[in-house]
């Protein structure tokens, strides 16, 4: 079984992922640009059930001003501000973990980009990766 660990800058938040990570997806939406202070976010998409906090509690910001119209809960460390993970509401069965918070991401590569239509002109997008001008359609959660 694959296992990944990670945490925030100050060490108050630690987590464990008990699932493989096939690749990373970069999000270039305006909200990810604003929340990261950069060209967007780089994320590992993992099953919700495979992620658990092992130390600390995250603070949550419900981002309802998304272009998709769905609320995105953004979880971060209240002490140092590090963004840790996000998930849509209702939960579609997966969440996105910020790749920069992983302890070891050396074997992972960006395999896809979303919201390229709103990417900053100076953002690097590898043309050899899968690119979507908006989000990838996500199946509705099971009732």
Protein backbone atom coordinates (compact mmCIF):
# COMPACT_ATOMS: atom_id res chain seq x y z
CA UNK A 1 0.00 0.00 0.00
CA UNK A 2 1.32 3.42 -0.94
CA UNK A 3 1.69 5.88 1.90
CA UNK A 4 2.43 9.58 1.82
CA UNK A 5 2.89 11.95 4.73
CA UNK A 6 3.00 15.70 4.95
CA UNK A 7 2.28 18.78 6.97
CA UNK A 8 2.38 22.53 7.29
CA UNK A 9 5.32 24.92 7.58
CA UNK A 10 5.25 25.23 11.38
CA UNK A 11 4.59 21.54 12.09
CA UNK A 12 1.25 22.05 13.86
CA UNK A 13 -0.58 20.04 11.15
CA UNK A 14 0.49 16.55 10.02
CA UNK A 15 -1.36 14.12 7.78
CA UNK A 16 -1.15 10.70 6.18
CA UNK A 17 -2.47 9.46 2.81
CA UNK A 18 -3.03 5.71 2.44
CA UNK A 19 -3.41 5.60 -1.35
CA UNK A 20 -1.23 5.90 -4.44
CA UNK A 21 -0.89 9.29 -6.11
CA UNK A 22 -0.85 8.83 -9.89
CA UNK A 23 0.14 12.39 -10.70
CA UNK A 24 -0.36 16.02 -9.85
CA UNK A 25 -2.85 18.48 -11.27
CA UNK A 26 -2.15 22.21 -11.47
CA UNK A 27 -5.14 24.51 -11.03
CA UNK A 28 -4.91 27.97 -12.59
CA UNK A 29 -8.32 29.31 -11.47
CA UNK A 30 -8.41 32.85 -10.10
CA UNK A 31 -9.41 31.64 -6.62
CA UNK A 32 -6.39 29.30 -6.42
CA UNK A 33 -4.17 32.16 -7.60
CA UNK A 34 -5.53 34.40 -4.84
CA UNK A 35 -5.39 31.74 -2.10
CA UNK A 36 -1.81 30.76 -2.96
CA UNK A 37 -0.36 34.14 -3.91
CA UNK A 38 1.12 32.43 -6.98
CA UNK A 39 0.13 31.28 -10.47
CA UNK A 40 -2.20 28.69 -8.92
CA UNK A 41 -1.94 25.48 -6.94
CA UNK A 42 -0.40 22.08 -7.59
CA UNK A 43 -2.48 19.29 -6.11
CA UNK A 44 -2.57 15.56 -5.50
CA UNK A 45 -6.09 14.20 -6.01
CA UNK A 46 -6.75 11.43 -3.47
CA UNK A 47 -9.79 9.49 -2.23
CA UNK A 48 -11.32 11.28 0.78
CA UNK A 49 -11.25 8.08 2.83
CA UNK A 50 -7.47 7.72 2.33
CA UNK A 51 -6.61 11.07 3.96
CA UNK A 52 -6.40 11.63 7.70
CA UNK A 53 -4.94 14.24 9.97
CA UNK A 54 -2.43 12.74 12.40
CA UNK A 55 -1.64 15.95 14.29
CA UNK A 56 -3.56 19.17 14.82
CA UNK A 57 -6.79 20.56 13.41
CA UNK A 58 -7.15 22.66 10.29
CA UNK A 59 -9.07 25.89 10.00
CA UNK A 60 -11.58 26.00 7.12
CA UNK A 61 -12.63 28.70 4.69
CA UNK A 62 -15.72 27.93 2.58
CA UNK A 63 -15.02 29.52 -0.81
CA UNK A 64 -18.47 30.02 -2.34
CA UNK A 65 -17.38 32.54 -5.00
CA UNK A 66 -16.15 29.88 -7.44
CA UNK A 67 -16.77 30.01 -11.19
CA UNK A 68 -18.11 26.46 -11.05
CA UNK A 69 -20.78 27.58 -8.58
CA UNK A 70 -19.86 24.86 -6.08
CA UNK A 71 -18.50 25.70 -2.66
CA UNK A 72 -14.89 24.65 -2.14
CA UNK A 73 -13.80 24.14 1.48
CA UNK A 74 -10.17 25.22 1.82
CA UNK A 75 -8.38 23.80 4.88
CA UNK A 76 -5.25 25.47 6.23
CA UNK A 77 -3.08 25.77 9.33
CA UNK A 78 -4.37 28.47 11.67
CA UNK A 79 -0.85 29.07 13.04
CA UNK A 80 1.29 29.47 9.91
CA UNK A 81 -1.36 29.82 7.18
CA UNK A 82 -0.12 26.91 5.04
CA UNK A 83 -2.88 25.64 2.74
CA UNK A 84 -3.22 21.87 3.29
CA UNK A 85 -6.17 20.51 1.28
CA UNK A 86 -9.51 21.37 -0.32
CA UNK A 87 -12.71 19.53 -1.12
CA UNK A 88 -15.93 20.33 -2.91
CA UNK A 89 -19.30 20.38 -1.21
CA UNK A 90 -20.99 18.03 -1.24
CA UNK A 91 -17.95 15.73 -1.05
CA UNK A 92 -17.57 13.88 -4.37
CA UNK A 93 -15.41 11.20 -2.73
CA UNK A 94 -12.04 12.84 -3.27
CA UNK A 95 -10.06 15.81 -2.04
CA UNK A 96 -7.05 17.72 -3.30
CA UNK A 97 -3.92 17.94 -1.17
CA UNK A 98 -1.43 20.74 -1.84
CA UNK A 99 1.61 18.98 -3.29
CA UNK A 100 4.04 21.37 -1.60
CA UNK A 101 2.93 20.05 1.80
CA UNK A 102 3.97 16.46 0.99
CA UNK A 103 7.15 15.34 2.76
CA UNK A 104 8.40 13.61 -0.39
CA UNK A 105 6.94 14.38 -3.81
CA UNK A 106 10.14 13.64 -5.74
CA UNK A 107 8.58 10.80 -7.78
CA UNK A 108 5.49 12.81 -8.74
CA UNK A 109 5.00 14.93 -11.86
CA UNK A 110 2.34 17.37 -13.04
CA UNK A 111 0.19 15.34 -15.41
CA UNK A 112 -2.63 17.82 -15.99
CA UNK A 113 -3.72 21.44 -15.81
CA UNK A 114 -7.19 22.85 -15.18
CA UNK A 115 -8.62 26.35 -15.62
CA UNK A 116 -5.96 27.19 -18.21
CA UNK A 117 -8.36 29.83 -19.59
CA UNK A 118 -7.62 31.99 -16.53
CA UNK A 119 -3.91 31.19 -16.20
CA UNK A 120 -1.54 34.11 -15.70
CA UNK A 121 0.41 34.92 -18.86
CA UNK A 122 3.68 34.23 -17.02
CA UNK A 123 2.58 30.81 -15.68
CA UNK A 124 4.42 27.85 -17.19
CA UNK A 125 2.07 25.20 -18.58
CA UNK A 126 3.76 22.18 -20.12
CA UNK A 127 2.04 21.62 -23.49
CA UNK A 128 2.75 17.88 -23.18
CA UNK A 129 0.37 17.58 -20.22
CA UNK A 130 -3.40 17.21 -20.34
CA UNK A 131 -4.92 20.72 -20.34
CA UNK A 132 -8.51 21.85 -19.72
CA UNK A 133 -9.72 25.45 -20.18
CA UNK A 134 -12.04 24.97 -17.18
CA UNK A 135 -12.52 22.19 -14.64
CA UNK A 136 -12.72 18.49 -15.40
CA UNK A 137 -16.31 17.26 -15.04
CA UNK A 138 -16.80 15.49 -11.73
CA UNK A 139 -19.55 12.92 -11.21
CA UNK A 140 -22.23 13.92 -8.71
CA UNK A 141 -21.78 12.39 -5.26
CA UNK A 142 -23.87 9.35 -4.41
CA UNK A 143 -26.88 10.19 -2.19
